[in-house]
Amino acid sequence: MLKFVKQHMDSIIGIEIYPMISLLIFFIFFTTLILWAFYTKKEFFNGIANLPLDEDETTPKTGNKINLP
């Protein structure tokens, strides 16, 4: 089965660029995610962490109690 797939992959011109593109997208996404987490204010994460605990019985569940940046 692998030999069959490899034979067809070798016949496609320019296919060697796709692994590089996917690695680049992976690297950019996770680098951006790490930078966002590093530079986001701590109050935002505290608000998100305490969100399930802050709801009252009288408060509508559609309300948002935190201030998003």
PDB file of N, CA and C in Angstrom:
ATOM      1  N   MET A   1       0.829  -1.189   0.000  1.00  0.00           N
ATOM      2  CA  MET A   1       0.000   0.000   0.000  1.00  0.00           C
ATOM      3  C   MET A   1       0.870   1.247   0.000  1.00  0.00           C
ATOM      4  N   LEU A   2       1.884   1.311   0.859  1.00  0.00           N
ATOM      5  CA  LEU A   2       2.749   2.477   0.918  1.00  0.00           C
ATOM      6  C   LEU A   2       3.514   2.660  -0.385  1.00  0.00           C
ATOM      7  N   LYS A   3       3.925   1.564  -0.984  1.00  0.00           N
ATOM      8  CA  LYS A   3       4.643   1.637  -2.254  1.00  0.00           C
ATOM      9  C   LYS A   3       3.743   2.242  -3.338  1.00  0.00           C
ATOM     10  N   PHE A   4       2.476   1.894  -3.312  1.00  0.00           N
ATOM     11  CA  PHE A   4       1.507   2.427  -4.269  1.00  0.00           C
ATOM     12  C   PHE A   4       1.350   3.937  -4.086  1.00  0.00           C
ATOM     13  N   VAL A   5       1.231   4.389  -2.852  1.00  0.00           N
ATOM     14  CA  VAL A   5       1.075   5.811  -2.565  1.00  0.00           C
ATOM     15  C   VAL A   5       2.350   6.569  -2.912  1.00  0.00           C
ATOM     16  N   LYS A   6       3.497   6.023  -2.552  1.00  0.00           N
ATOM     17  CA  LYS A   6       4.769   6.689  -2.815  1.00  0.00           C
ATOM     18  C   LYS A   6       5.010   6.853  -4.309  1.00  0.00           C
ATOM     19  N   GLN A   7       4.628   5.867  -5.081  1.00  0.00           N
ATOM     20  CA  GLN A   7       4.813   5.947  -6.530  1.00  0.00           C
ATOM     21  C   GLN A   7       3.986   7.098  -7.114  1.00  0.00           C
ATOM     22  N   HIS A   8       2.773   7.268  -6.653  1.00  0.00           N
ATOM     23  CA  HIS A   8       1.935   8.366  -7.142  1.00  0.00           C
ATOM     24  C   HIS A   8       2.414   9.718  -6.628  1.00  0.00           C
ATOM     25  N   MET A   9       2.915   9.757  -5.415  1.00  0.00           N
ATOM     26  CA  MET A   9       3.420  11.018  -4.863  1.00  0.00           C
ATOM     27  C   MET A   9       4.672  11.485  -5.608  1.00  0.00           C
ATOM     28  N   ASP A  10       5.508  10.563  -6.029  1.00  0.00           N
ATOM     29  CA  ASP A  10       6.712  10.922  -6.774  1.00  0.00           C
ATOM     30  C   ASP A  10       6.388  11.480  -8.153  1.00  0.00           C
ATOM     31  N   SER A  11       5.247  11.142  -8.682  1.00  0.00           N
ATOM     32  CA  SER A  11       4.889  11.618 -10.013  1.00  0.00           C
ATOM     33  C   SER A  11       4.305  13.035 -10.000  1.00  0.00           C
ATOM     34  N   ILE A  12       3.978  13.581  -8.819  1.00  0.00           N
ATOM     35  CA  ILE A  12       3.402  14.931  -8.726  1.00  0.00           C
ATOM     36  C   ILE A  12       4.540  15.940  -8.670  1.00  0.00           C
ATOM     37  N   ILE A  13       4.512  16.883  -9.584  1.00  0.00           N
ATOM     38  CA  ILE A  13       5.566  17.901  -9.667  1.00  0.00           C
ATOM     39  C   ILE A  13       5.317  18.958  -8.582  1.00  0.00           C
ATOM     40  N   GLY A  14       6.343  19.288  -7.833  1.00  0.00           N
ATOM     41  CA  GLY A  14       6.262  20.341  -6.825  1.00  0.00           C
ATOM     42  C   GLY A  14       5.649  19.912  -5.505  1.00  0.00           C
ATOM     43  N   ILE A  15       5.526  18.632  -5.271  1.00  0.00           N
ATOM     44  CA  ILE A  15       4.887  18.173  -4.027  1.00  0.00           C
ATOM     45  C   ILE A  15       5.785  18.381  -2.805  1.00  0.00           C
ATOM     46  N   GLU A  16       7.056  18.574  -2.997  1.00  0.00           N
ATOM     47  CA  GLU A  16       7.966  18.726  -1.855  1.00  0.00           C
ATOM     48  C   GLU A  16       7.745  20.027  -1.100  1.00  0.00           C
ATOM     49  N   ILE A  17       6.986  20.962  -1.656  1.00  0.00           N
ATOM     50  CA  ILE A  17       6.730  22.231  -0.973  1.00  0.00           C
ATOM     51  C   ILE A  17       5.653  22.091   0.101  1.00  0.00           C
ATOM     52  N   TYR A  18       4.746  21.133  -0.016  1.00  0.00           N
ATOM     53  CA  TYR A  18       3.634  20.995   0.921  1.00  0.00           C
ATOM     54  C   TYR A  18       4.064  20.671   2.354  1.00  0.00           C
ATOM     55  N   PRO A  19       5.024  19.800   2.583  1.00  0.00           N
ATOM     56  CA  PRO A  19       5.462  19.607   3.985  1.00  0.00           C
ATOM     57  C   PRO A  19       6.087  20.862   4.580  1.00  0.00           C
ATOM     58  N   MET A  20       6.784  21.639   3.777  1.00  0.00           N
ATOM     59  CA  MET A  20       7.376  22.873   4.287  1.00  0.00           C
ATOM     60  C   MET A  20       6.308  23.899   4.623  1.00  0.00           C
ATOM     61  N   ILE A  21       5.280  23.982   3.798  1.00  0.00           N
ATOM     62  CA  ILE A  21       4.186  24.918   4.052  1.00  0.00           C
ATOM     63  C   ILE A  21       3.432  24.513   5.324  1.00  0.00           C
ATOM     64  N   SER A  22       3.167  23.234   5.489  1.00  0.00           N
ATOM     65  CA  SER A  22       2.444  22.788   6.680  1.00  0.00           C
ATOM     66  C   SER A  22       3.273  23.012   7.947  1.00  0.00           C
ATOM     67  N   LEU A  23       4.579  22.811   7.880  1.00  0.00           N
ATOM     68  CA  LEU A  23       5.443  23.087   9.029  1.00  0.00           C
ATOM     69  C   LEU A  23       5.447  24.578   9.353  1.00  0.00           C
ATOM     70  N   LEU A  24       5.480  25.410   8.349  1.00  0.00           N
ATOM     71  CA  LEU A  24       5.462  26.859   8.544  1.00  0.00           C
ATOM     72  C   LEU A  24       4.153  27.307   9.180  1.00  0.00           C
ATOM     73  N   ILE A  25       3.024  26.781   8.717  1.00  0.00           N
ATOM     74  CA  ILE A  25       1.728  27.130   9.305  1.00  0.00           C
ATOM     75  C   ILE A  25       1.671  26.663  10.752  1.00  0.00           C
ATOM     76  N   PHE A  26       2.130  25.461  11.026  1.00  0.00           N
ATOM     77  CA  PHE A  26       2.170  24.929  12.392  1.00  0.00           C
ATOM     78  C   PHE A  26       3.017  25.820  13.294  1.00  0.00           C
ATOM     79  N   PHE A  27       4.201  26.184  12.842  1.00  0.00           N
ATOM     80  CA  PHE A  27       5.114  27.007  13.639  1.00  0.00           C
ATOM     81  C   PHE A  27       4.537  28.392  13.897  1.00  0.00           C
ATOM     82  N   ILE A  28       3.976  29.026  12.878  1.00  0.00           N
ATOM     83  CA  ILE A  28       3.406  30.367  13.037  1.00  0.00           C
ATOM     84  C   ILE A  28       2.218  30.338  13.987  1.00  0.00           C
ATOM     85  N   PHE A  29       1.350  29.345  13.851  1.00  0.00           N
ATOM     86  CA  PHE A  29       0.174  29.264  14.722  1.00  0.00           C
ATOM     87  C   PHE A  29       0.573  29.124  16.181  1.00  0.00           C
ATOM     88  N   PHE A  30       1.449  28.190  16.501  1.00  0.00           N
ATOM     89  CA  PHE A  30       1.795  27.968  17.898  1.00  0.00           C
ATOM     90  C   PHE A  30       2.695  29.065  18.453  1.00  0.00           C
ATOM     91  N   THR A  31       3.509  29.682  17.640  1.00  0.00           N
ATOM     92  CA  THR A  31       4.287  30.826  18.107  1.00  0.00           C
ATOM     93  C   THR A  31       3.365  31.986  18.443  1.00  0.00           C
ATOM     94  N   THR A  32       2.379  32.234  17.590  1.00  0.00           N
ATOM     95  CA  THR A  32       1.408  33.292  17.847  1.00  0.00           C
ATOM     96  C   THR A  32       0.597  32.990  19.104  1.00  0.00           C
ATOM     97  N   LEU A  33       0.211  31.748  19.291  1.00  0.00           N
ATOM     98  CA  LEU A  33      -0.545  31.358  20.473  1.00  0.00           C
ATOM     99  C   LEU A  33       0.273  31.551  21.745  1.00  0.00           C
ATOM    100  N   ILE A  34       1.522  31.191  21.723  1.00  0.00           N
ATOM    101  CA  ILE A  34       2.392  31.366  22.889  1.00  0.00           C
ATOM    102  C   ILE A  34       2.610  32.852  23.184  1.00  0.00           C
ATOM    103  N   LEU A  35       2.839  33.646  22.142  1.00  0.00           N
ATOM    104  CA  LEU A  35       3.017  35.085  22.351  1.00  0.00           C
ATOM    105  C   LEU A  35       1.746  35.729  22.885  1.00  0.00           C
ATOM    106  N   TRP A  36       0.574  35.315  22.380  1.00  0.00           N
ATOM    107  CA  TRP A  36      -0.694  35.853  22.881  1.00  0.00           C
ATOM    108  C   TRP A  36      -0.859  35.521  24.360  1.00  0.00           C
ATOM    109  N   ALA A  37      -0.562  34.286  24.742  1.00  0.00           N
ATOM    110  CA  ALA A  37      -0.697  33.884  26.141  1.00  0.00           C
ATOM    111  C   ALA A  37       0.303  34.617  27.033  1.00  0.00           C
ATOM    112  N   PHE A  38       1.466  34.895  26.503  1.00  0.00           N
ATOM    113  CA  PHE A  38       2.497  35.573  27.288  1.00  0.00           C
ATOM    114  C   PHE A  38       2.169  37.047  27.508  1.00  0.00           C
ATOM    115  N   TYR A  39       1.633  37.713  26.495  1.00  0.00           N
ATOM    116  CA  TYR A  39       1.392  39.146  26.573  1.00  0.00           C
ATOM    117  C   TYR A  39      -0.033  39.521  26.992  1.00  0.00           C
ATOM    118  N   THR A  40      -0.918  38.570  27.164  1.00  0.00           N
ATOM    119  CA  THR A  40      -2.267  38.874  27.626  1.00  0.00           C
ATOM    120  C   THR A  40      -2.224  39.162  29.115  1.00  0.00           C
ATOM    121  N   LYS A  41      -3.044  40.137  29.532  1.00  0.00           N
ATOM    122  CA  LYS A  41      -3.041  40.533  30.932  1.00  0.00           C
ATOM    123  C   LYS A  41      -3.561  39.412  31.819  1.00  0.00           C
ATOM    124  N   LYS A  42      -3.019  39.348  33.014  1.00  0.00           N
ATOM    125  CA  LYS A  42      -3.370  38.297  33.952  1.00  0.00           C
ATOM    126  C   LYS A  42      -4.835  38.403  34.393  1.00  0.00           C
ATOM    127  N   GLU A  43      -5.385  39.609  34.401  1.00  0.00           N
ATOM    128  CA  GLU A  43      -6.777  39.789  34.798  1.00  0.00           C
ATOM    129  C   GLU A  43      -7.728  39.052  33.852  1.00  0.00           C
ATOM    130  N   PHE A  44      -7.380  38.996  32.588  1.00  0.00           N
ATOM    131  CA  PHE A  44      -8.209  38.287  31.618  1.00  0.00           C
ATOM    132  C   PHE A  44      -8.291  36.804  31.972  1.00  0.00           C
ATOM    133  N   PHE A  45      -7.144  36.198  32.260  1.00  0.00           N
ATOM    134  CA  PHE A  45      -7.127  34.781  32.605  1.00  0.00           C
ATOM    135  C   PHE A  45      -7.805  34.519  33.952  1.00  0.00           C
ATOM    136  N   ASN A  46      -7.652  35.436  34.906  1.00  0.00           N
ATOM    137  CA  ASN A  46      -8.343  35.278  36.188  1.00  0.00           C
ATOM    138  C   ASN A  46      -9.852  35.366  36.002  1.00  0.00           C
ATOM    139  N   GLY A  47     -10.297  36.260  35.148  1.00  0.00           N
ATOM    140  CA  GLY A  47     -11.727  36.382  34.882  1.00  0.00           C
ATOM    141  C   GLY A  47     -12.283  35.144  34.219  1.00  0.00           C
ATOM    142  N   ILE A  48     -11.554  34.590  33.270  1.00  0.00           N
ATOM    143  CA  ILE A  48     -11.982  33.368  32.596  1.00  0.00           C
ATOM    144  C   ILE A  48     -11.970  32.185  33.572  1.00  0.00           C
ATOM    145  N   ALA A  49     -10.965  32.109  34.423  1.00  0.00           N
ATOM    146  CA  ALA A  49     -10.851  30.991  35.360  1.00  0.00           C
ATOM    147  C   ALA A  49     -11.975  31.013  36.393  1.00  0.00           C
ATOM    148  N   ASN A  50     -12.412  32.199  36.804  1.00  0.00           N
ATOM    149  CA  ASN A  50     -13.440  32.308  37.828  1.00  0.00           C
ATOM    150  C   ASN A  50     -14.841  32.429  37.259  1.00  0.00           C
ATOM    151  N   LEU A  51     -15.002  32.412  35.972  1.00  0.00           N
ATOM    152  CA  LEU A  51     -16.299  32.591  35.346  1.00  0.00           C
ATOM    153  C   LEU A  51     -17.347  31.570  35.806  1.00  0.00           C
ATOM    154  N   PRO A  52     -17.044  30.280  35.879  1.00  0.00           N
ATOM    155  CA  PRO A  52     -18.076  29.344  36.349  1.00  0.00           C
ATOM    156  C   PRO A  52     -18.444  29.540  37.822  1.00  0.00           C
ATOM    157  N   LEU A  53     -17.538  30.093  38.607  1.00  0.00           N
ATOM    158  CA  LEU A  53     -17.784  30.260  40.037  1.00  0.00           C
ATOM    159  C   LEU A  53     -18.524  31.550  40.358  1.00  0.00           C
ATOM    160  N   ASP A  54     -18.505  32.527  39.451  1.00  0.00           N
ATOM    161  CA  ASP A  54     -19.085  33.835  39.722  1.00  0.00           C
ATOM    162  C   ASP A  54     -20.566  33.935  39.414  1.00  0.00           C
ATOM    163  N   GLU A  55     -21.166  32.963  38.780  1.00  0.00           N
ATOM    164  CA  GLU A  55     -22.558  33.078  38.381  1.00  0.00           C
ATOM    165  C   GLU A  55     -23.485  32.928  39.581  1.00  0.00           C
ATOM    166  N   ASP A  56     -24.461  33.846  39.659  1.00  0.00           N
ATOM    167  CA  ASP A  56     -25.492  33.772  40.687  1.00  0.00           C
ATOM    168  C   ASP A  56     -26.717  33.093  40.097  1.00  0.00           C
ATOM    169  N   GLU A  57     -27.633  32.705  40.956  1.00  0.00           N
ATOM    170  CA  GLU A  57     -28.866  32.093  40.481  1.00  0.00           C
ATOM    171  C   GLU A  57     -29.758  33.134  39.816  1.00  0.00           C
ATOM    172  N   THR A  58     -29.629  34.413  40.211  1.00  0.00           N
ATOM    173  CA  THR A  58     -30.476  35.476  39.656  1.00  0.00           C
ATOM    174  C   THR A  58     -29.907  36.071  38.386  1.00  0.00           C
ATOM    175  N   THR A  59     -28.665  35.800  38.080  1.00  0.00           N
ATOM    176  CA  THR A  59     -28.008  36.366  36.906  1.00  0.00           C
ATOM    177  C   THR A  59     -28.374  35.550  35.664  1.00  0.00           C
ATOM    178  N   PRO A  60     -28.778  36.222  34.590  1.00  0.00           N
ATOM    179  CA  PRO A  60     -29.041  35.458  33.358  1.00  0.00           C
ATOM    180  C   PRO A  60     -27.764  34.825  32.835  1.00  0.00           C
ATOM    181  N   LYS A  61     -27.867  33.658  32.279  1.00  0.00           N
ATOM    182  CA  LYS A  61     -26.689  32.929  31.815  1.00  0.00           C
ATOM    183  C   LYS A  61     -26.119  33.499  30.530  1.00  0.00           C
ATOM    184  N   THR A  62     -26.816  34.413  29.879  1.00  0.00           N
ATOM    185  CA  THR A  62     -26.309  34.993  28.646  1.00  0.00           C
ATOM    186  C   THR A  62     -25.420  36.197  28.890  1.00  0.00           C
ATOM    187  N   GLY A  63     -25.395  36.693  30.113  1.00  0.00           N
ATOM    188  CA  GLY A  63     -24.580  37.863  30.420  1.00  0.00           C
ATOM    189  C   GLY A  63     -23.111  37.537  30.496  1.00  0.00           C
ATOM    190  N   ASN A  64     -22.282  38.485  30.085  1.00  0.00           N
ATOM    191  CA  ASN A  64     -20.839  38.328  30.141  1.00  0.00           C
ATOM    192  C   ASN A  64     -20.322  39.254  31.227  1.00  0.00           C
ATOM    193  N   LYS A  65     -19.679  38.705  32.253  1.00  0.00           N
ATOM    194  CA  LYS A  65     -19.243  39.509  33.390  1.00  0.00           C
ATOM    195  C   LYS A  65     -17.796  39.976  33.309  1.00  0.00           C
ATOM    196  N   ILE A  66     -17.063  39.558  32.311  1.00  0.00           N
ATOM    197  CA  ILE A  66     -15.674  39.961  32.232  1.00  0.00           C
ATOM    198  C   ILE A  66     -15.492  40.983  31.124  1.00  0.00           C
ATOM    199  N   ASN A  67     -14.483  41.802  31.269  1.00  0.00           N
ATOM    200  CA  ASN A  67     -14.166  42.786  30.243  1.00  0.00           C
ATOM    201  C   ASN A  67     -13.088  42.215  29.344  1.00  0.00           C
ATOM    202  N   LEU A  68     -13.460  41.930  28.126  1.00  0.00           N
ATOM    203  CA  LEU A  68     -12.489  41.391  27.171  1.00  0.00           C
ATOM    204  C   LEU A  68     -11.656  42.528  26.604  1.00  0.00           C
ATOM    205  N   PRO A  69     -10.401  42.278  26.302  1.00  0.00           N
ATOM    206  CA  PRO A  69      -9.542  43.362  25.779  1.00  0.00           C
ATOM    207  C   PRO A  69      -9.956  43.799  24.399  1.00  0.00           C
TER     208      PRO A  69
END
